[in-house]
Amino acid sequence: MKKPATYFSANGSDSIIGAGVLVEGSLEVDGDLTVEGEIRGEIRASGGLIAGINSMFWSNITADTASISGKVVGNIQTAGKTTIREMGSVTGDVDSERLTILPGGVFVGRSRVTGVKNETRA
C-alpha cells in the first residue's frame, strides 16, 4: 500500500524514502537523499540524490549530485555530477557540471554543462 505524504524535511542527515512509499508534493532535504519508492513533485536536496533501481520520479530534481538507477520523468539540475546508471532512465533536461551515461542507461532530453571552470594549461 502506497503511503502519501505532502512535505518532508530532514535536518543535516541522510534521508531514505523506502520501497512502497509514495511522496506527493514538495520534498526538501538538508543532506543526502536515497529513494527506493515513488515521488511526484519538486525535490531539493543539499547533498546527493541516489535513485534506486525500483524508484520512480515524476519530478524536477535539484541536488548537489545525482545517481539515477530508476526512472525519472522531469528535469535534473546538479551542481556536480549526474550519473545515469545501467538500469536508469531520464526523460527530461539535465543541467549539470558533468553528465555520465553508463551502458544500458537511457537519456531522452537535452543536456547543458554548467559551472565548469576553465583551466589554463602551462
N, C-alpha and C. Protein backbone atom coordinates (compact mmCIF):
# COMPACT_ATOMS: atom_id res chain seq x y z
N MET A 1 0.84 -1.18 0.00
CA MET A 1 0.00 0.00 0.00
C MET A 1 0.88 1.24 0.00
N LYS A 2 0.64 2.15 -0.92
CA LYS A 2 1.39 3.40 -1.01
C LYS A 2 0.93 4.35 0.08
N LYS A 3 1.91 5.05 0.68
CA LYS A 3 1.61 5.99 1.75
C LYS A 3 1.86 7.41 1.25
N PRO A 4 0.83 8.24 1.06
CA PRO A 4 1.05 9.59 0.56
C PRO A 4 1.62 10.50 1.63
N ALA A 5 2.44 11.45 1.18
CA ALA A 5 2.99 12.48 2.05
C ALA A 5 2.99 13.77 1.26
N THR A 6 2.86 14.90 1.91
CA THR A 6 2.82 16.17 1.19
C THR A 6 4.09 16.98 1.39
N TYR A 7 4.84 16.78 2.46
CA TYR A 7 6.06 17.55 2.67
C TYR A 7 6.96 16.78 3.63
N PHE A 8 8.25 16.81 3.36
CA PHE A 8 9.21 16.14 4.23
C PHE A 8 10.45 16.99 4.31
N SER A 9 10.97 17.20 5.48
CA SER A 9 12.20 17.95 5.64
C SER A 9 13.07 17.29 6.69
N ALA A 10 14.32 17.05 6.33
CA ALA A 10 15.27 16.49 7.28
C ALA A 10 16.26 17.58 7.65
N ASN A 11 17.01 17.38 8.71
CA ASN A 11 17.92 18.41 9.18
C ASN A 11 19.35 17.88 9.23
N GLY A 12 20.09 18.02 8.11
CA GLY A 12 21.50 17.72 8.09
C GLY A 12 21.87 16.26 8.14
N SER A 13 21.00 15.36 7.76
CA SER A 13 21.32 13.94 7.83
C SER A 13 20.86 13.26 6.55
N ASP A 14 21.18 11.99 6.42
CA ASP A 14 20.72 11.21 5.29
C ASP A 14 19.26 10.87 5.47
N SER A 15 18.51 10.90 4.37
CA SER A 15 17.09 10.58 4.40
C SER A 15 16.82 9.49 3.40
N ILE A 16 15.88 8.61 3.73
CA ILE A 16 15.55 7.48 2.87
C ILE A 16 14.04 7.44 2.65
N ILE A 17 13.65 7.32 1.37
CA ILE A 17 12.27 7.07 1.02
C ILE A 17 12.24 5.62 0.56
N GLY A 18 11.64 4.75 1.35
CA GLY A 18 11.69 3.31 1.11
C GLY A 18 10.75 2.84 0.02
N ALA A 19 10.96 1.60 -0.40
CA ALA A 19 10.10 0.96 -1.38
C ALA A 19 8.67 0.93 -0.84
N GLY A 20 7.70 1.15 -1.71
CA GLY A 20 6.30 1.14 -1.30
C GLY A 20 5.80 2.46 -0.77
N VAL A 21 6.67 3.48 -0.71
CA VAL A 21 6.27 4.80 -0.21
C VAL A 21 6.06 5.72 -1.40
N LEU A 22 4.94 6.44 -1.40
CA LEU A 22 4.62 7.44 -2.41
C LEU A 22 4.66 8.81 -1.74
N VAL A 23 5.48 9.71 -2.27
CA VAL A 23 5.54 11.09 -1.79
C VAL A 23 4.95 11.97 -2.86
N GLU A 24 3.92 12.75 -2.50
CA GLU A 24 3.30 13.69 -3.42
C GLU A 24 3.44 15.09 -2.84
N GLY A 25 4.07 15.99 -3.61
CA GLY A 25 4.28 17.35 -3.17
C GLY A 25 5.76 17.68 -3.07
N SER A 26 6.06 18.77 -2.41
CA SER A 26 7.44 19.24 -2.29
C SER A 26 8.22 18.39 -1.30
N LEU A 27 9.48 18.16 -1.66
CA LEU A 27 10.38 17.39 -0.79
C LEU A 27 11.67 18.17 -0.70
N GLU A 28 12.03 18.60 0.51
CA GLU A 28 13.24 19.37 0.72
C GLU A 28 14.06 18.69 1.79
N VAL A 29 15.32 18.37 1.44
CA VAL A 29 16.18 17.60 2.34
C VAL A 29 17.49 18.35 2.53
N ASP A 30 17.89 18.52 3.77
CA ASP A 30 19.19 19.10 4.12
C ASP A 30 20.15 17.94 4.33
N GLY A 31 20.81 17.50 3.26
CA GLY A 31 21.69 16.34 3.31
C GLY A 31 21.43 15.45 2.11
N ASP A 32 21.84 14.19 2.22
CA ASP A 32 21.68 13.22 1.13
C ASP A 32 20.30 12.57 1.18
N LEU A 33 19.82 12.17 0.00
CA LEU A 33 18.51 11.52 -0.11
C LEU A 33 18.65 10.26 -0.95
N THR A 34 18.18 9.14 -0.41
CA THR A 34 18.11 7.88 -1.14
C THR A 34 16.64 7.53 -1.32
N VAL A 35 16.26 7.21 -2.57
CA VAL A 35 14.86 6.93 -2.88
C VAL A 35 14.76 5.54 -3.49
N GLU A 36 13.91 4.72 -2.91
CA GLU A 36 13.56 3.41 -3.46
C GLU A 36 12.08 3.38 -3.83
N GLY A 37 11.34 4.42 -3.45
CA GLY A 37 9.91 4.50 -3.70
C GLY A 37 9.58 5.38 -4.88
N GLU A 38 8.45 6.09 -4.77
CA GLU A 38 7.92 6.90 -5.86
C GLU A 38 7.71 8.33 -5.37
N ILE A 39 8.12 9.29 -6.20
CA ILE A 39 7.96 10.70 -5.84
C ILE A 39 7.30 11.44 -6.99
N ARG A 40 6.29 12.25 -6.64
CA ARG A 40 5.60 13.11 -7.59
C ARG A 40 5.61 14.53 -7.04
N GLY A 41 6.53 15.35 -7.52
CA GLY A 41 6.63 16.73 -7.05
C GLY A 41 8.06 17.21 -7.08
N GLU A 42 8.27 18.42 -6.63
CA GLU A 42 9.60 19.03 -6.63
C GLU A 42 10.48 18.40 -5.56
N ILE A 43 11.76 18.20 -5.90
CA ILE A 43 12.73 17.67 -4.95
C ILE A 43 13.92 18.61 -4.89
N ARG A 44 14.32 18.97 -3.67
CA ARG A 44 15.53 19.76 -3.44
C ARG A 44 16.33 19.09 -2.35
N ALA A 45 17.58 18.71 -2.67
CA ALA A 45 18.46 18.10 -1.68
C ALA A 45 19.78 18.86 -1.68
N SER A 46 20.25 19.25 -0.49
CA SER A 46 21.52 19.98 -0.42
C SER A 46 22.70 19.04 -0.66
N GLY A 47 22.50 17.75 -0.49
CA GLY A 47 23.53 16.75 -0.75
C GLY A 47 23.23 15.98 -2.01
N GLY A 48 23.64 14.73 -2.03
CA GLY A 48 23.45 13.89 -3.20
C GLY A 48 22.10 13.19 -3.20
N LEU A 49 21.62 12.87 -4.39
CA LEU A 49 20.40 12.09 -4.57
C LEU A 49 20.80 10.75 -5.16
N ILE A 50 20.35 9.66 -4.53
CA ILE A 50 20.54 8.32 -5.07
C ILE A 50 19.16 7.76 -5.36
N ALA A 51 18.91 7.47 -6.64
CA ALA A 51 17.63 6.91 -7.06
C ALA A 51 17.84 5.42 -7.29
N GLY A 52 17.26 4.59 -6.44
CA GLY A 52 17.41 3.15 -6.52
C GLY A 52 16.77 2.56 -7.76
N ILE A 53 17.07 1.31 -8.03
CA ILE A 53 16.66 0.65 -9.27
C ILE A 53 15.14 0.60 -9.45
N ASN A 54 14.38 0.55 -8.38
CA ASN A 54 12.91 0.50 -8.47
C ASN A 54 12.24 1.84 -8.24
N SER A 55 13.03 2.90 -8.11
CA SER A 55 12.45 4.22 -7.85
C SER A 55 11.81 4.79 -9.12
N MET A 56 10.79 5.63 -8.89
CA MET A 56 10.11 6.31 -9.99
C MET A 56 9.87 7.76 -9.57
N PHE A 57 10.20 8.68 -10.46
CA PHE A 57 10.06 10.11 -10.20
C PHE A 57 9.25 10.75 -11.31
N TRP A 58 8.27 11.53 -10.94
CA TRP A 58 7.61 12.47 -11.83
C TRP A 58 7.89 13.81 -11.17
N SER A 59 9.13 14.28 -11.37
CA SER A 59 9.64 15.37 -10.54
C SER A 59 10.71 16.16 -11.25
N ASN A 60 10.83 17.41 -10.87
CA ASN A 60 12.04 18.17 -11.16
C ASN A 60 12.93 18.04 -9.94
N ILE A 61 14.21 17.76 -10.18
CA ILE A 61 15.15 17.45 -9.11
C ILE A 61 16.28 18.48 -9.09
N THR A 62 16.57 19.02 -7.91
CA THR A 62 17.72 19.88 -7.71
C THR A 62 18.52 19.28 -6.57
N ALA A 63 19.81 18.98 -6.83
CA ALA A 63 20.66 18.36 -5.81
C ALA A 63 22.11 18.70 -6.10
N ASP A 64 22.98 18.37 -5.15
CA ASP A 64 24.41 18.57 -5.37
C ASP A 64 24.92 17.60 -6.43
N THR A 65 24.57 16.33 -6.29
CA THR A 65 24.89 15.29 -7.27
C THR A 65 23.68 14.38 -7.41
N ALA A 66 23.64 13.59 -8.50
CA ALA A 66 22.54 12.65 -8.68
C ALA A 66 23.06 11.37 -9.33
N SER A 67 22.62 10.24 -8.79
CA SER A 67 22.93 8.92 -9.33
C SER A 67 21.60 8.23 -9.57
N ILE A 68 21.27 7.99 -10.85
CA ILE A 68 19.94 7.52 -11.23
C ILE A 68 20.01 6.07 -11.70
N SER A 69 19.39 5.18 -10.94
CA SER A 69 19.24 3.78 -11.35
C SER A 69 17.80 3.45 -11.65
N GLY A 70 16.88 4.33 -11.31
CA GLY A 70 15.45 4.13 -11.54
C GLY A 70 14.98 4.95 -12.72
N LYS A 71 13.73 5.40 -12.67
CA LYS A 71 13.13 6.14 -13.78
C LYS A 71 12.79 7.56 -13.32
N VAL A 72 13.23 8.55 -14.11
CA VAL A 72 12.93 9.95 -13.83
C VAL A 72 12.24 10.55 -15.05
N VAL A 73 11.08 11.15 -14.81
CA VAL A 73 10.41 11.95 -15.83
C VAL A 73 10.37 13.36 -15.25
N GLY A 74 11.25 14.21 -15.74
CA GLY A 74 11.39 15.56 -15.22
C GLY A 74 12.82 16.03 -15.42
N ASN A 75 13.07 17.26 -15.05
CA ASN A 75 14.38 17.86 -15.24
C ASN A 75 15.26 17.64 -14.01
N ILE A 76 16.57 17.54 -14.25
CA ILE A 76 17.54 17.38 -13.17
C ILE A 76 18.55 18.51 -13.25
N GLN A 77 18.80 19.15 -12.12
CA GLN A 77 19.81 20.19 -12.03
C GLN A 77 20.73 19.86 -10.87
N THR A 78 22.03 19.71 -11.16
CA THR A 78 23.01 19.42 -10.11
C THR A 78 24.18 20.38 -10.21
N ALA A 79 24.79 20.66 -9.06
CA ALA A 79 26.00 21.48 -9.03
C ALA A 79 27.21 20.66 -9.45
N GLY A 80 27.15 19.36 -9.24
CA GLY A 80 28.26 18.46 -9.55
C GLY A 80 27.90 17.49 -10.65
N LYS A 81 28.11 16.23 -10.39
CA LYS A 81 27.96 15.17 -11.39
C LYS A 81 26.57 14.55 -11.36
N THR A 82 26.04 14.25 -12.55
CA THR A 82 24.83 13.45 -12.70
C THR A 82 25.22 12.17 -13.42
N THR A 83 24.85 11.02 -12.87
CA THR A 83 25.15 9.73 -13.48
C THR A 83 23.85 8.99 -13.72
N ILE A 84 23.64 8.56 -14.96
CA ILE A 84 22.52 7.67 -15.29
C ILE A 84 23.12 6.28 -15.39
N ARG A 85 22.75 5.42 -14.46
CA ARG A 85 23.35 4.10 -14.35
C ARG A 85 22.73 3.10 -15.33
N GLU A 86 23.23 1.88 -15.32
CA GLU A 86 22.87 0.85 -16.29
C GLU A 86 21.37 0.65 -16.46
N MET A 87 20.61 0.65 -15.40
CA MET A 87 19.17 0.42 -15.47
C MET A 87 18.37 1.72 -15.38
N GLY A 88 19.06 2.86 -15.30
CA GLY A 88 18.38 4.14 -15.12
C GLY A 88 17.87 4.74 -16.42
N SER A 89 16.84 5.58 -16.28
CA SER A 89 16.36 6.33 -17.43
C SER A 89 15.90 7.71 -16.98
N VAL A 90 16.21 8.69 -17.81
CA VAL A 90 15.81 10.07 -17.56
C VAL A 90 15.15 10.59 -18.83
N THR A 91 13.92 11.08 -18.68
CA THR A 91 13.23 11.76 -19.76
C THR A 91 13.03 13.19 -19.29
N GLY A 92 13.86 14.09 -19.78
CA GLY A 92 13.83 15.48 -19.35
C GLY A 92 15.21 16.08 -19.56
N ASP A 93 15.36 17.33 -19.21
CA ASP A 93 16.63 18.03 -19.40
C ASP A 93 17.52 17.87 -18.18
N VAL A 94 18.83 17.85 -18.42
CA VAL A 94 19.81 17.73 -17.35
C VAL A 94 20.78 18.90 -17.44
N ASP A 95 20.84 19.72 -16.39
CA ASP A 95 21.84 20.78 -16.24
C ASP A 95 22.79 20.32 -15.16
N SER A 96 24.05 20.10 -15.53
CA SER A 96 24.99 19.51 -14.59
C SER A 96 26.41 19.90 -14.97
N GLU A 97 27.31 19.89 -14.00
CA GLU A 97 28.71 20.14 -14.30
C GLU A 97 29.28 19.01 -15.15
N ARG A 98 28.79 17.78 -14.90
CA ARG A 98 29.25 16.62 -15.66
C ARG A 98 28.11 15.61 -15.73
N LEU A 99 27.88 15.06 -16.93
CA LEU A 99 26.84 14.04 -17.15
C LEU A 99 27.51 12.77 -17.64
N THR A 100 27.24 11.66 -16.95
CA THR A 100 27.76 10.36 -17.35
C THR A 100 26.57 9.42 -17.56
N ILE A 101 26.56 8.75 -18.72
CA ILE A 101 25.53 7.76 -19.01
C ILE A 101 26.23 6.43 -19.21
N LEU A 102 26.00 5.51 -18.30
CA LEU A 102 26.63 4.20 -18.38
C LEU A 102 25.91 3.33 -19.42
N PRO A 103 26.60 2.32 -20.00
CA PRO A 103 25.96 1.45 -20.98
C PRO A 103 24.67 0.85 -20.42
N GLY A 104 23.59 0.97 -21.18
CA GLY A 104 22.29 0.50 -20.74
C GLY A 104 21.42 1.61 -20.18
N GLY A 105 22.03 2.72 -19.77
CA GLY A 105 21.28 3.87 -19.29
C GLY A 105 20.59 4.58 -20.45
N VAL A 106 19.45 5.20 -20.18
CA VAL A 106 18.66 5.86 -21.22
C VAL A 106 18.49 7.33 -20.86
N PHE A 107 18.73 8.20 -21.84
CA PHE A 107 18.55 9.64 -21.65
C PHE A 107 17.83 10.20 -22.86
N VAL A 108 16.64 10.78 -22.63
CA VAL A 108 15.87 11.43 -23.68
C VAL A 108 15.64 12.86 -23.23
N GLY A 109 16.31 13.79 -23.85
CA GLY A 109 16.19 15.18 -23.45
C GLY A 109 17.40 15.97 -23.90
N ARG A 110 17.58 17.12 -23.29
CA ARG A 110 18.72 17.97 -23.61
C ARG A 110 19.62 18.04 -22.39
N SER A 111 20.92 18.15 -22.66
CA SER A 111 21.86 18.33 -21.55
C SER A 111 22.59 19.65 -21.73
N ARG A 112 22.93 20.25 -20.61
CA ARG A 112 23.67 21.51 -20.62
C ARG A 112 24.73 21.41 -19.53
N VAL A 113 25.97 21.68 -19.92
CA VAL A 113 27.07 21.67 -18.97
C VAL A 113 27.09 23.02 -18.28
N THR A 114 27.08 23.00 -16.95
CA THR A 114 27.05 24.23 -16.17
C THR A 114 28.17 24.26 -15.16
N GLY A 115 28.61 25.43 -14.81
CA GLY A 115 29.55 25.59 -13.70
C GLY A 115 30.94 25.04 -13.93
N VAL A 116 31.34 24.80 -15.18
CA VAL A 116 32.67 24.26 -15.43
C VAL A 116 33.67 25.39 -15.39
N LYS A 117 34.76 25.18 -14.65
CA LYS A 117 35.81 26.17 -14.55
C LYS A 117 36.80 25.97 -15.69
N ASN A 118 37.16 27.05 -16.36
CA ASN A 118 38.17 26.97 -17.40
C ASN A 118 39.53 26.83 -16.76
N GLU A 119 40.31 25.88 -17.27
CA GLU A 119 41.66 25.69 -16.76
C GLU A 119 42.65 26.11 -17.82
N THR A 120 43.67 26.83 -17.41
CA THR A 120 44.72 27.24 -18.31
C THR A 120 45.88 26.29 -18.16
N ARG A 121 46.32 25.72 -19.27
CA ARG A 121 47.45 24.81 -19.21
C ARG A 121 48.72 25.55 -19.54
N ALA A 122 49.74 25.22 -18.78
CA ALA A 122 51.04 25.90 -19.00
C ALA A 122 51.85 25.18 -20.04
